[in-house]
C-alpha atoms as a PDB file:
ATOM      1  CA  MET A   1       4.143  16.397  11.336  1.00  0.00           C
ATOM      2  CA  ARG A   2       6.638  14.361  13.399  1.00  0.00           C
ATOM      3  CA  VAL A   3       9.849  13.586  11.486  1.00  0.00           C
ATOM      4  CA  PRO A   4      11.553  10.322  11.661  1.00  0.00           C
ATOM      5  CA  ALA A   5      14.007   9.576  14.410  1.00  0.00           C
ATOM      6  CA  SER A   6      16.867   9.425  11.764  1.00  0.00           C
ATOM      7  CA  ALA A   7      15.996  12.620   9.766  1.00  0.00           C
ATOM      8  CA  ASP A   8      17.546  11.230   6.812  1.00  0.00           C
ATOM      9  CA  ARG A   9      15.665   7.964   6.548  1.00  0.00           C
ATOM     10  CA  TRP A  10      12.113   7.196   6.810  1.00  0.00           C
ATOM     11  CA  THR A  11      10.678   3.606   7.977  1.00  0.00           C
ATOM     12  CA  ALA A  12       7.440   1.918   7.778  1.00  0.00           C
ATOM     13  CA  ALA A  13       7.039   2.501  11.597  1.00  0.00           C
ATOM     14  CA  ASP A  14       7.143   6.256  10.972  1.00  0.00           C
ATOM     15  CA  LEU A  15       3.996   5.939   8.973  1.00  0.00           C
ATOM     16  CA  ASP A  16       1.967   5.339  12.253  1.00  0.00           C
ATOM     17  CA  HIS A  17       2.699   8.910  13.395  1.00  0.00           C
ATOM     18  CA  LEU A  18       1.343  10.803  10.176  1.00  0.00           C
ATOM     19  CA  PRO A  19      -2.230  12.200  10.005  1.00  0.00           C
ATOM     20  CA  GLU A  20      -5.117  10.572   8.574  1.00  0.00           C
ATOM     21  CA  ASN A  21      -5.959  13.230   6.184  1.00  0.00           C
ATOM     22  CA  GLY A  22      -6.756  11.626   2.800  1.00  0.00           C
ATOM     23  CA  LEU A  23      -3.239  11.642   1.510  1.00  0.00           C
ATOM     24  CA  ARG A  24      -1.607   8.212   0.721  1.00  0.00           C
ATOM     25  CA  TYR A  25       1.697   7.982   2.482  1.00  0.00           C
ATOM     26  CA  GLU A  26       4.345   5.273   1.478  1.00  0.00           C
ATOM     27  CA  VAL A  27       8.084   4.630   2.381  1.00  0.00           C
ATOM     28  CA  LEU A  28      10.180   3.660  -0.655  1.00  0.00           C
ATOM     29  CA  ASN A  29      13.957   3.328  -0.198  1.00  0.00           C
ATOM     30  CA  GLY A  30      13.888   5.280   3.111  1.00  0.00           C
ATOM     31  CA  GLN A  31      12.026   8.148   1.356  1.00  0.00           C
ATOM     32  CA  LEU A  32       8.550   9.513   2.313  1.00  0.00           C
ATOM     33  CA  VAL A  33       6.237   9.363  -0.744  1.00  0.00           C
ATOM     34  CA  VAL A  34       2.990  11.462  -0.431  1.00  0.00           C
ATOM     35  CA  ASN A  35       0.438  11.152  -3.078  1.00  0.00           C
ATOM     36  CA  ALA A  36      -3.021  12.695  -3.590  1.00  0.00           C
ATOM     37  CA  ALA A  37      -6.141  10.662  -4.254  1.00  0.00           C
ATOM     38  CA  PRO A  38      -5.972   9.029  -7.735  1.00  0.00           C
ATOM     39  CA  LYS A  39      -7.976  10.345 -10.590  1.00  0.00           C
ATOM     40  CA  PRO A  40     -11.166   8.568 -11.766  1.00  0.00           C
ATOM     41  CA  ILE A  41      -9.654   7.167 -14.921  1.00  0.00           C
ATOM     42  CA  HIS A  42      -6.921   5.434 -12.722  1.00  0.00           C
ATOM     43  CA  GLN A  43      -9.534   3.996 -10.341  1.00  0.00           C
ATOM     44  CA  ARG A  44     -11.490   2.664 -13.267  1.00  0.00           C
ATOM     45  CA  PHE A  45      -8.473   0.885 -14.721  1.00  0.00           C
ATOM     46  CA  VAL A  46      -7.569  -0.545 -11.223  1.00  0.00           C
ATOM     47  CA  LEU A  47     -11.161  -1.847 -10.724  1.00  0.00           C
ATOM     48  CA  GLU A  48     -11.097  -3.454 -14.032  1.00  0.00           C
ATOM     49  CA  LEU A  49      -7.749  -5.013 -13.284  1.00  0.00           C
ATOM     50  CA  GLY A  50      -9.072  -6.321 -10.048  1.00  0.00           C
ATOM     51  CA  GLU A  51     -11.965  -7.874 -11.513  1.00  0.00           C
ATOM     52  CA  ARG A  52     -10.112  -9.696 -14.267  1.00  0.00           C
ATOM     53  CA  LEU A  53      -7.381 -10.810 -11.642  1.00  0.00           C
ATOM     54  CA  LYS A  54     -10.019 -12.196  -9.377  1.00  0.00           C
ATOM     55  CA  LYS A  55     -11.508 -14.508 -12.065  1.00  0.00           C
ATOM     56  CA  ALA A  56      -8.069 -15.710 -13.057  1.00  0.00           C
ATOM     57  CA  LEU A  57      -6.715 -16.408  -9.518  1.00  0.00           C
ATOM     58  CA  PRO A  58      -5.897 -20.070  -8.726  1.00  0.00           C
ATOM     59  CA  GLU A  59      -7.275 -21.660  -5.571  1.00  0.00           C
ATOM     60  CA  GLY A  60      -5.322 -20.323  -2.462  1.00  0.00           C
ATOM     61  CA  LEU A  61      -4.275 -16.958  -3.889  1.00  0.00           C
ATOM     62  CA  HIS A  62      -5.963 -13.720  -2.575  1.00  0.00           C
ATOM     63  CA  MET A  63      -6.342 -10.181  -4.347  1.00  0.00           C
ATOM     64  CA  LEU A  64      -6.317  -7.264  -2.048  1.00  0.00           C
ATOM     65  CA  PRO A  65      -6.755  -3.697  -3.152  1.00  0.00           C
ATOM     66  CA  GLY A  66      -4.367  -0.914  -1.855  1.00  0.00           C
ATOM     67  CA  VAL A  67      -2.946  -2.307   1.370  1.00  0.00           C
ATOM     68  CA  GLY A  68       0.470  -1.523   2.611  1.00  0.00           C
ATOM     69  CA  VAL A  69       3.224  -4.271   2.205  1.00  0.00           C
ATOM     70  CA  LEU A  70       6.138  -4.398   4.646  1.00  0.00           C
ATOM     71  CA  ILE A  71       9.319  -5.004   2.746  1.00  0.00           C
ATOM     72  CA  GLY A  72      12.264  -4.460   5.180  1.00  0.00           C
ATOM     73  CA  ASP A  73      11.785  -0.726   6.392  1.00  0.00           C
ATOM     74  CA  ASP A  74       9.768   0.168   3.434  1.00  0.00           C
ATOM     75  CA  GLU A  75       5.982   0.010   3.136  1.00  0.00           C
ATOM     76  CA  PRO A  76       4.690   0.451  -0.582  1.00  0.00           C
ATOM     77  CA  ILE A  77       1.094   0.448  -1.311  1.00  0.00           C
ATOM     78  CA  PRO A  78       0.403  -1.321  -4.534  1.00  0.00           C
ATOM     79  CA  ASP A  79      -2.961  -0.722  -6.219  1.00  0.00           C
ATOM     80  CA  ARG A  80      -3.622  -4.427  -6.206  1.00  0.00           C
ATOM     81  CA  LEU A  81      -1.703  -7.135  -4.316  1.00  0.00           C
ATOM     82  CA  VAL A  82      -1.949 -10.963  -5.041  1.00  0.00           C
ATOM     83  CA  CYS A  83      -0.712 -13.184  -2.331  1.00  0.00           C
ATOM     84  CA  ALA A  84      -0.898 -16.605  -0.671  1.00  0.00           C
ATOM     85  CA  GLY A  85      -2.328 -17.015   2.807  1.00  0.00           C
ATOM     86  CA  PRO A  86      -2.315 -16.934   5.653  1.00  0.00           C
ATOM     87  CA  ILE A  87      -3.531 -13.232   5.905  1.00  0.00           C
ATOM     88  CA  LEU A  88      -3.822 -11.463   9.207  1.00  0.00           C
ATOM     89  CA  TRP A  89      -7.093  -9.472   8.217  1.00  0.00           C
ATOM     90  CA  ASP A  90      -6.919  -7.153  11.064  1.00  0.00           C
ATOM     91  CA  ALA A  91      -3.225  -6.262  11.002  1.00  0.00           C
END
């Protein structure tokens, strides 16, 4: 695995060099966070939350599941994200 250019701080750009191996990689406050796949009860809760959010969203808002969000050099991956457009669907 490639380490970041600055060995003491990870950035969202460093995530592009990590393997696609089923693990979930995030960068929070310059630290690499690695998580295994969530348990079924977690996924059930996230699915239910998504269904409720979708019904309650006002026009012009979108709900997306599990996508990375660039915040400075960090890239957390929330279970659900509510955002206003425009959305770059292939970015």
